[in-house]
Amino acid sequence: MAVHKVYSCILRAVNSGRLREPFTKNDFRNACPGFGNGTYNAFLYKHRVGNPGRKSELFKKVCTGKFKLVRPYKYGIKC
């Protein structure tokens, strides 16, 4: 399965220390520049645990607007 480039960017940013958990969409935008505005506004919510669209659950919402990565990482990624 191909790894999503947005998810990979977030993993690299967290593991390098450029993005600290819990993080907001603006933290994500600053740590992973180059994606469209829609990505920053929707990706974390769209892939949170319990999302209504039943998308992959990559992030845990810890409070309003703040997220942490679900561990272990998905897609067999080891960082």
PDB file of N, CA and C in Angstrom:
ATOM      1  N   MET A   1       0.848  -1.181   0.000  1.00  0.00           N
ATOM      2  CA  MET A   1       0.000   0.000   0.000  1.00  0.00           C
ATOM      3  C   MET A   1       0.894   1.245   0.000  1.00  0.00           C
ATOM      4  N   ALA A   2       0.584   2.192  -0.841  1.00  0.00           N
ATOM      5  CA  ALA A   2       1.360   3.426  -0.916  1.00  0.00           C
ATOM      6  C   ALA A   2       1.098   4.279   0.319  1.00  0.00           C
ATOM      7  N   VAL A   3       2.133   4.909   0.805  1.00  0.00           N
ATOM      8  CA  VAL A   3       2.005   5.766   1.974  1.00  0.00           C
ATOM      9  C   VAL A   3       1.611   7.157   1.506  1.00  0.00           C
ATOM     10  N   HIS A   4       0.655   7.728   2.140  1.00  0.00           N
ATOM     11  CA  HIS A   4       0.182   9.067   1.778  1.00  0.00           C
ATOM     12  C   HIS A   4       1.251  10.101   2.080  1.00  0.00           C
ATOM     13  N   LYS A   5       1.506  11.001   1.151  1.00  0.00           N
ATOM     14  CA  LYS A   5       2.596  11.971   1.335  1.00  0.00           C
ATOM     15  C   LYS A   5       2.332  12.950   2.481  1.00  0.00           C
ATOM     16  N   VAL A   6       1.083  13.282   2.744  1.00  0.00           N
ATOM     17  CA  VAL A   6       0.782  14.202   3.848  1.00  0.00           C
ATOM     18  C   VAL A   6       1.078  13.515   5.182  1.00  0.00           C
ATOM     19  N   TYR A   7       0.616  12.289   5.326  1.00  0.00           N
ATOM     20  CA  TYR A   7       0.866  11.521   6.551  1.00  0.00           C
ATOM     21  C   TYR A   7       2.366  11.338   6.757  1.00  0.00           C
ATOM     22  N   SER A   8       3.091  10.996   5.708  1.00  0.00           N
ATOM     23  CA  SER A   8       4.549  10.823   5.805  1.00  0.00           C
ATOM     24  C   SER A   8       5.233  12.105   6.245  1.00  0.00           C
ATOM     25  N   CYS A   9       4.787  13.231   5.724  1.00  0.00           N
ATOM     26  CA  CYS A   9       5.370  14.519   6.099  1.00  0.00           C
ATOM     27  C   CYS A   9       5.145  14.794   7.584  1.00  0.00           C
ATOM     28  N   ILE A  10       3.957  14.513   8.072  1.00  0.00           N
ATOM     29  CA  ILE A  10       3.654  14.727   9.490  1.00  0.00           C
ATOM     30  C   ILE A  10       4.511  13.811  10.363  1.00  0.00           C
ATOM     31  N   LEU A  11       4.641  12.555   9.976  1.00  0.00           N
ATOM     32  CA  LEU A  11       5.480  11.625  10.742  1.00  0.00           C
ATOM     33  C   LEU A  11       6.922  12.118  10.814  1.00  0.00           C
ATOM     34  N   ARG A  12       7.461  12.531   9.677  1.00  0.00           N
ATOM     35  CA  ARG A  12       8.843  13.020   9.663  1.00  0.00           C
ATOM     36  C   ARG A  12       8.993  14.267  10.527  1.00  0.00           C
ATOM     37  N   ALA A  13       8.008  15.161  10.464  1.00  0.00           N
ATOM     38  CA  ALA A  13       8.070  16.402  11.237  1.00  0.00           C
ATOM     39  C   ALA A  13       8.014  16.113  12.741  1.00  0.00           C
ATOM     40  N   VAL A  14       7.163  15.200  13.159  1.00  0.00           N
ATOM     41  CA  VAL A  14       7.075  14.843  14.580  1.00  0.00           C
ATOM     42  C   VAL A  14       8.371  14.187  15.036  1.00  0.00           C
ATOM     43  N   ASN A  15       8.856  13.246  14.271  1.00  0.00           N
ATOM     44  CA  ASN A  15      10.054  12.504  14.677  1.00  0.00           C
ATOM     45  C   ASN A  15      11.328  13.326  14.613  1.00  0.00           C
ATOM     46  N   SER A  16      11.335  14.394  13.827  1.00  0.00           N
ATOM     47  CA  SER A  16      12.511  15.273  13.772  1.00  0.00           C
ATOM     48  C   SER A  16      12.432  16.385  14.814  1.00  0.00           C
ATOM     49  N   GLY A  17      11.265  16.539  15.448  1.00  0.00           N
ATOM     50  CA  GLY A  17      11.088  17.597  16.439  1.00  0.00           C
ATOM     51  C   GLY A  17      10.571  18.907  15.867  1.00  0.00           C
ATOM     52  N   ARG A  18      10.317  18.957  14.559  1.00  0.00           N
ATOM     53  CA  ARG A  18       9.771  20.184  13.953  1.00  0.00           C
ATOM     54  C   ARG A  18       8.297  20.378  14.286  1.00  0.00           C
ATOM     55  N   LEU A  19       7.622  19.304  14.660  1.00  0.00           N
ATOM     56  CA  LEU A  19       6.198  19.352  15.000  1.00  0.00           C
ATOM     57  C   LEU A  19       6.023  18.633  16.332  1.00  0.00           C
ATOM     58  N   ARG A  20       5.573  19.375  17.323  1.00  0.00           N
ATOM     59  CA  ARG A  20       5.391  18.811  18.665  1.00  0.00           C
ATOM     60  C   ARG A  20       3.940  18.447  18.897  1.00  0.00           C
ATOM     61  N   GLU A  21       3.759  17.294  19.529  1.00  0.00           N
ATOM     62  CA  GLU A  21       2.414  16.847  19.869  1.00  0.00           C
ATOM     63  C   GLU A  21       2.012  17.364  21.238  1.00  0.00           C
ATOM     64  N   PRO A  22       0.750  17.663  21.448  1.00  0.00           N
ATOM     65  CA  PRO A  22      -0.299  17.723  20.439  1.00  0.00           C
ATOM     66  C   PRO A  22      -0.114  18.944  19.543  1.00  0.00           C
ATOM     67  N   PHE A  23      -0.593  18.842  18.309  1.00  0.00           N
ATOM     68  CA  PHE A  23      -0.410  19.922  17.346  1.00  0.00           C
ATOM     69  C   PHE A  23      -1.738  20.348  16.746  1.00  0.00           C
ATOM     70  N   THR A  24      -1.763  21.572  16.263  1.00  0.00           N
ATOM     71  CA  THR A  24      -2.944  22.140  15.620  1.00  0.00           C
ATOM     72  C   THR A  24      -2.738  22.117  14.105  1.00  0.00           C
ATOM     73  N   LYS A  25      -3.780  22.473  13.383  1.00  0.00           N
ATOM     74  CA  LYS A  25      -3.636  22.539  11.927  1.00  0.00           C
ATOM     75  C   LYS A  25      -2.630  23.624  11.531  1.00  0.00           C
ATOM     76  N   ASN A  26      -2.525  24.687  12.317  1.00  0.00           N
ATOM     77  CA  ASN A  26      -1.542  25.726  11.998  1.00  0.00           C
ATOM     78  C   ASN A  26      -0.122  25.255  12.281  1.00  0.00           C
ATOM     79  N   ASP A  27       0.055  24.460  13.332  1.00  0.00           N
ATOM     80  CA  ASP A  27       1.358  23.846  13.588  1.00  0.00           C
ATOM     81  C   ASP A  27       1.727  22.929  12.424  1.00  0.00           C
ATOM     82  N   PHE A  28       0.769  22.137  11.963  1.00  0.00           N
ATOM     83  CA  PHE A  28       0.949  21.244  10.820  1.00  0.00           C
ATOM     84  C   PHE A  28       1.343  22.060   9.580  1.00  0.00           C
ATOM     85  N   ARG A  29       0.658  23.158   9.338  1.00  0.00           N
ATOM     86  CA  ARG A  29       0.947  24.026   8.186  1.00  0.00           C
ATOM     87  C   ARG A  29       2.391  24.545   8.253  1.00  0.00           C
ATOM     88  N   ASN A  30       2.835  24.971   9.413  1.00  0.00           N
ATOM     89  CA  ASN A  30       4.191  25.510   9.564  1.00  0.00           C
ATOM     90  C   ASN A  30       5.265  24.439   9.422  1.00  0.00           C
ATOM     91  N   ALA A  31       4.994  23.237   9.920  1.00  0.00           N
ATOM     92  CA  ALA A  31       5.980  22.160   9.882  1.00  0.00           C
ATOM     93  C   ALA A  31       6.039  21.456   8.530  1.00  0.00           C
ATOM     94  N   CYS A  32       4.934  21.492   7.794  1.00  0.00           N
ATOM     95  CA  CYS A  32       4.834  20.776   6.511  1.00  0.00           C
ATOM     96  C   CYS A  32       4.284  21.714   5.435  1.00  0.00           C
ATOM     97  N   PRO A  33       5.065  22.690   4.999  1.00  0.00           N
ATOM     98  CA  PRO A  33       4.574  23.626   3.990  1.00  0.00           C
ATOM     99  C   PRO A  33       4.437  22.963   2.614  1.00  0.00           C
ATOM    100  N   GLY A  34       3.618  23.582   1.772  1.00  0.00           N
ATOM    101  CA  GLY A  34       3.522  23.152   0.385  1.00  0.00           C
ATOM    102  C   GLY A  34       2.250  22.429  -0.005  1.00  0.00           C
ATOM    103  N   PHE A  35       1.370  22.170   0.943  1.00  0.00           N
ATOM    104  CA  PHE A  35       0.096  21.530   0.626  1.00  0.00           C
ATOM    105  C   PHE A  35      -0.971  22.607   0.466  1.00  0.00           C
ATOM    106  N   GLY A  36      -2.091  22.257  -0.133  1.00  0.00           N
ATOM    107  CA  GLY A  36      -3.184  23.211  -0.329  1.00  0.00           C
ATOM    108  C   GLY A  36      -3.892  23.541   0.972  1.00  0.00           C
ATOM    109  N   ASN A  37      -4.563  24.685   1.003  1.00  0.00           N
ATOM    110  CA  ASN A  37      -5.291  25.118   2.200  1.00  0.00           C
ATOM    111  C   ASN A  37      -6.296  24.072   2.669  1.00  0.00           C
ATOM    112  N   GLY A  38      -6.956  23.408   1.729  1.00  0.00           N
ATOM    113  CA  GLY A  38      -7.937  22.387   2.081  1.00  0.00           C
ATOM    114  C   GLY A  38      -7.313  21.242   2.858  1.00  0.00           C
ATOM    115  N   THR A  39      -6.074  20.901   2.526  1.00  0.00           N
ATOM    116  CA  THR A  39      -5.379  19.827   3.238  1.00  0.00           C
ATOM    117  C   THR A  39      -5.176  20.216   4.690  1.00  0.00           C
ATOM    118  N   TYR A  40      -4.704  21.419   4.934  1.00  0.00           N
ATOM    119  CA  TYR A  40      -4.470  21.864   6.312  1.00  0.00           C
ATOM    120  C   TYR A  40      -5.773  21.976   7.091  1.00  0.00           C
ATOM    121  N   ASN A  41      -6.845  22.366   6.412  1.00  0.00           N
ATOM    122  CA  ASN A  41      -8.123  22.550   7.099  1.00  0.00           C
ATOM    123  C   ASN A  41      -8.859  21.248   7.374  1.00  0.00           C
ATOM    124  N   ALA A  42      -8.608  20.197   6.579  1.00  0.00           N
ATOM    125  CA  ALA A  42      -9.432  18.996   6.695  1.00  0.00           C
ATOM    126  C   ALA A  42      -8.698  17.711   7.058  1.00  0.00           C
ATOM    127  N   PHE A  43      -7.420  17.568   6.720  1.00  0.00           N
ATOM    128  CA  PHE A  43      -6.751  16.271   6.829  1.00  0.00           C
ATOM    129  C   PHE A  43      -6.779  15.692   8.239  1.00  0.00           C
ATOM    130  N   LEU A  44      -6.468  16.481   9.236  1.00  0.00           N
ATOM    131  CA  LEU A  44      -6.425  15.975  10.614  1.00  0.00           C
ATOM    132  C   LEU A  44      -7.802  15.519  11.076  1.00  0.00           C
ATOM    133  N   TYR A  45      -8.822  16.306  10.750  1.00  0.00           N
ATOM    134  CA  TYR A  45     -10.188  15.964  11.154  1.00  0.00           C
ATOM    135  C   TYR A  45     -10.709  14.758  10.381  1.00  0.00           C
ATOM    136  N   LYS A  46     -10.398  14.708   9.096  1.00  0.00           N
ATOM    137  CA  LYS A  46     -10.860  13.630   8.226  1.00  0.00           C
ATOM    138  C   LYS A  46     -10.272  12.279   8.640  1.00  0.00           C
ATOM    139  N   HIS A  47      -9.081  12.294   9.226  1.00  0.00           N
ATOM    140  CA  HIS A  47      -8.400  11.053   9.591  1.00  0.00           C
ATOM    141  C   HIS A  47      -8.253  10.874  11.102  1.00  0.00           C
ATOM    142  N   ARG A  48      -9.150  11.476  11.871  1.00  0.00           N
ATOM    143  CA  ARG A  48      -9.102  11.311  13.322  1.00  0.00           C
ATOM    144  C   ARG A  48      -9.826  10.033  13.720  1.00  0.00           C
ATOM    145  N   VAL A  49      -9.479   9.523  14.888  1.00  0.00           N
ATOM    146  CA  VAL A  49     -10.147   8.341  15.424  1.00  0.00           C
ATOM    147  C   VAL A  49     -11.635   8.653  15.562  1.00  0.00           C
ATOM    148  N   GLY A  50     -12.478   7.768  15.036  1.00  0.00           N
ATOM    149  CA  GLY A  50     -13.925   7.948  15.119  1.00  0.00           C
ATOM    150  C   GLY A  50     -14.504   8.866  14.065  1.00  0.00           C
ATOM    151  N   ASN A  51     -13.753   9.164  12.998  1.00  0.00           N
ATOM    152  CA  ASN A  51     -14.275  10.070  11.975  1.00  0.00           C
ATOM    153  C   ASN A  51     -15.525   9.480  11.334  1.00  0.00           C
ATOM    154  N   PRO A  52     -16.501  10.333  11.001  1.00  0.00           N
ATOM    155  CA  PRO A  52     -17.770   9.832  10.488  1.00  0.00           C
ATOM    156  C   PRO A  52     -17.677   9.193   9.096  1.00  0.00           C
ATOM    157  N   GLY A  53     -16.654   9.534   8.324  1.00  0.00           N
ATOM    158  CA  GLY A  53     -16.508   8.961   6.991  1.00  0.00           C
ATOM    159  C   GLY A  53     -15.822   7.609   6.987  1.00  0.00           C
ATOM    160  N   ARG A  54     -15.431   7.131   8.173  1.00  0.00           N
ATOM    161  CA  ARG A  54     -14.753   5.847   8.336  1.00  0.00           C
ATOM    162  C   ARG A  54     -13.455   5.775   7.535  1.00  0.00           C
ATOM    163  N   LYS A  55     -12.780   6.927   7.440  1.00  0.00           N
ATOM    164  CA  LYS A  55     -11.459   6.989   6.806  1.00  0.00           C
ATOM    165  C   LYS A  55     -10.433   6.379   7.748  1.00  0.00           C
ATOM    166  N   SER A  56      -9.214   6.189   7.259  1.00  0.00           N
ATOM    167  CA  SER A  56      -8.156   5.645   8.110  1.00  0.00           C
ATOM    168  C   SER A  56      -7.989   6.524   9.340  1.00  0.00           C
ATOM    169  N   GLU A  57      -7.798   5.899  10.480  1.00  0.00           N
ATOM    170  CA  GLU A  57      -7.667   6.618  11.747  1.00  0.00           C
ATOM    171  C   GLU A  57      -6.192   6.812  12.058  1.00  0.00           C
ATOM    172  N   LEU A  58      -5.673   7.991  11.720  1.00  0.00           N
ATOM    173  CA  LEU A  58      -4.255   8.295  11.851  1.00  0.00           C
ATOM    174  C   LEU A  58      -3.940   9.191  13.032  1.00  0.00           C
ATOM    175  N   PHE A  59      -4.941   9.934  13.530  1.00  0.00           N
ATOM    176  CA  PHE A  59      -4.736  10.922  14.583  1.00  0.00           C
ATOM    177  C   PHE A  59      -5.787  10.773  15.670  1.00  0.00           C
ATOM    178  N   LYS A  60      -5.382  11.105  16.878  1.00  0.00           N
ATOM    179  CA  LYS A  60      -6.294  11.118  18.021  1.00  0.00           C
ATOM    180  C   LYS A  60      -6.517  12.571  18.413  1.00  0.00           C
ATOM    181  N   LYS A  61      -7.765  12.999  18.446  1.00  0.00           N
ATOM    182  CA  LYS A  61      -8.096  14.358  18.871  1.00  0.00           C
ATOM    183  C   LYS A  61      -8.039  14.383  20.395  1.00  0.00           C
ATOM    184  N   VAL A  62      -7.147  15.223  20.951  1.00  0.00           N
ATOM    185  CA  VAL A  62      -6.960  15.242  22.404  1.00  0.00           C
ATOM    186  C   VAL A  62      -7.726  16.366  23.081  1.00  0.00           C
ATOM    187  N   CYS A  63      -8.024  17.411  22.345  1.00  0.00           N
ATOM    188  CA  CYS A  63      -8.885  18.494  22.806  1.00  0.00           C
ATOM    189  C   CYS A  63      -9.249  19.311  21.573  1.00  0.00           C
ATOM    190  N   THR A  64     -10.019  20.341  21.742  1.00  0.00           N
ATOM    191  CA  THR A  64     -10.482  21.122  20.604  1.00  0.00           C
ATOM    192  C   THR A  64      -9.310  21.601  19.751  1.00  0.00           C
ATOM    193  N   GLY A  65      -9.261  21.101  18.512  1.00  0.00           N
ATOM    194  CA  GLY A  65      -8.268  21.549  17.547  1.00  0.00           C
ATOM    195  C   GLY A  65      -6.861  21.012  17.727  1.00  0.00           C
ATOM    196  N   LYS A  66      -6.652  20.067  18.645  1.00  0.00           N
ATOM    197  CA  LYS A  66      -5.308  19.528  18.881  1.00  0.00           C
ATOM    198  C   LYS A  66      -5.296  18.009  18.702  1.00  0.00           C
ATOM    199  N   PHE A  67      -4.215  17.540  18.068  1.00  0.00           N
ATOM    200  CA  PHE A  67      -4.128  16.131  17.687  1.00  0.00           C
ATOM    201  C   PHE A  67      -2.778  15.526  18.047  1.00  0.00           C
ATOM    202  N   LYS A  68      -2.796  14.188  18.193  1.00  0.00           N
ATOM    203  CA  LYS A  68      -1.586  13.388  18.354  1.00  0.00           C
ATOM    204  C   LYS A  68      -1.654  12.260  17.332  1.00  0.00           C
ATOM    205  N   LEU A  69      -0.503  11.750  16.949  1.00  0.00           N
ATOM    206  CA  LEU A  69      -0.461  10.601  16.055  1.00  0.00           C
ATOM    207  C   LEU A  69      -0.920   9.344  16.791  1.00  0.00           C
ATOM    208  N   VAL A  70      -1.642   8.489  16.086  1.00  0.00           N
ATOM    209  CA  VAL A  70      -1.996   7.182  16.614  1.00  0.00           C
ATOM    210  C   VAL A  70      -0.752   6.310  16.503  1.00  0.00           C
ATOM    211  N   ARG A  71      -0.454   5.592  17.563  1.00  0.00           N
ATOM    212  CA  ARG A  71       0.677   4.668  17.560  1.00  0.00           C
ATOM    213  C   ARG A  71       0.150   3.269  17.808  1.00  0.00           C
ATOM    214  N   PRO A  72       0.729   2.246  17.216  1.00  0.00           N
ATOM    215  CA  PRO A  72       1.877   2.324  16.311  1.00  0.00           C
ATOM    216  C   PRO A  72       1.476   2.994  14.998  1.00  0.00           C
ATOM    217  N   TYR A  73       2.466   3.529  14.299  1.00  0.00           N
ATOM    218  CA  TYR A  73       2.209   4.203  13.029  1.00  0.00           C
ATOM    219  C   TYR A  73       1.574   3.244  12.037  1.00  0.00           C
ATOM    220  N   LYS A  74       0.766   3.777  11.168  1.00  0.00           N
ATOM    221  CA  LYS A  74       0.069   2.985  10.158  1.00  0.00           C
ATOM    222  C   LYS A  74       0.983   2.664   8.984  1.00  0.00           C
ATOM    223  N   TYR A  75       0.574   1.720   8.193  1.00  0.00           N
ATOM    224  CA  TYR A  75       1.242   1.334   6.949  1.00  0.00           C
ATOM    225  C   TYR A  75       2.633   0.769   7.164  1.00  0.00           C
ATOM    226  N   GLY A  76       2.923   0.269   8.365  1.00  0.00           N
ATOM    227  CA  GLY A  76       4.209  -0.341   8.617  1.00  0.00           C
ATOM    228  C   GLY A  76       5.365   0.609   8.686  1.00  0.00           C
ATOM    229  N   ILE A  77       5.091   1.907   8.858  1.00  0.00           N
ATOM    230  CA  ILE A  77       6.141   2.909   8.907  1.00  0.00           C
ATOM    231  C   ILE A  77       6.806   2.861  10.278  1.00  0.00           C
ATOM    232  N   LYS A  78       8.114   2.849  10.278  1.00  0.00           N
ATOM    233  CA  LYS A  78       8.895   2.888  11.524  1.00  0.00           C
ATOM    234  C   LYS A  78       9.785   4.112  11.467  1.00  0.00           C
ATOM    235  N   CYS A  79       9.547   5.029  12.375  1.00  0.00           N
ATOM    236  CA  CYS A  79      10.334   6.264  12.399  1.00  0.00           C
ATOM    237  C   CYS A  79      11.142   6.340  13.668  1.00  0.00           C
TER     238      CYS A  79
END
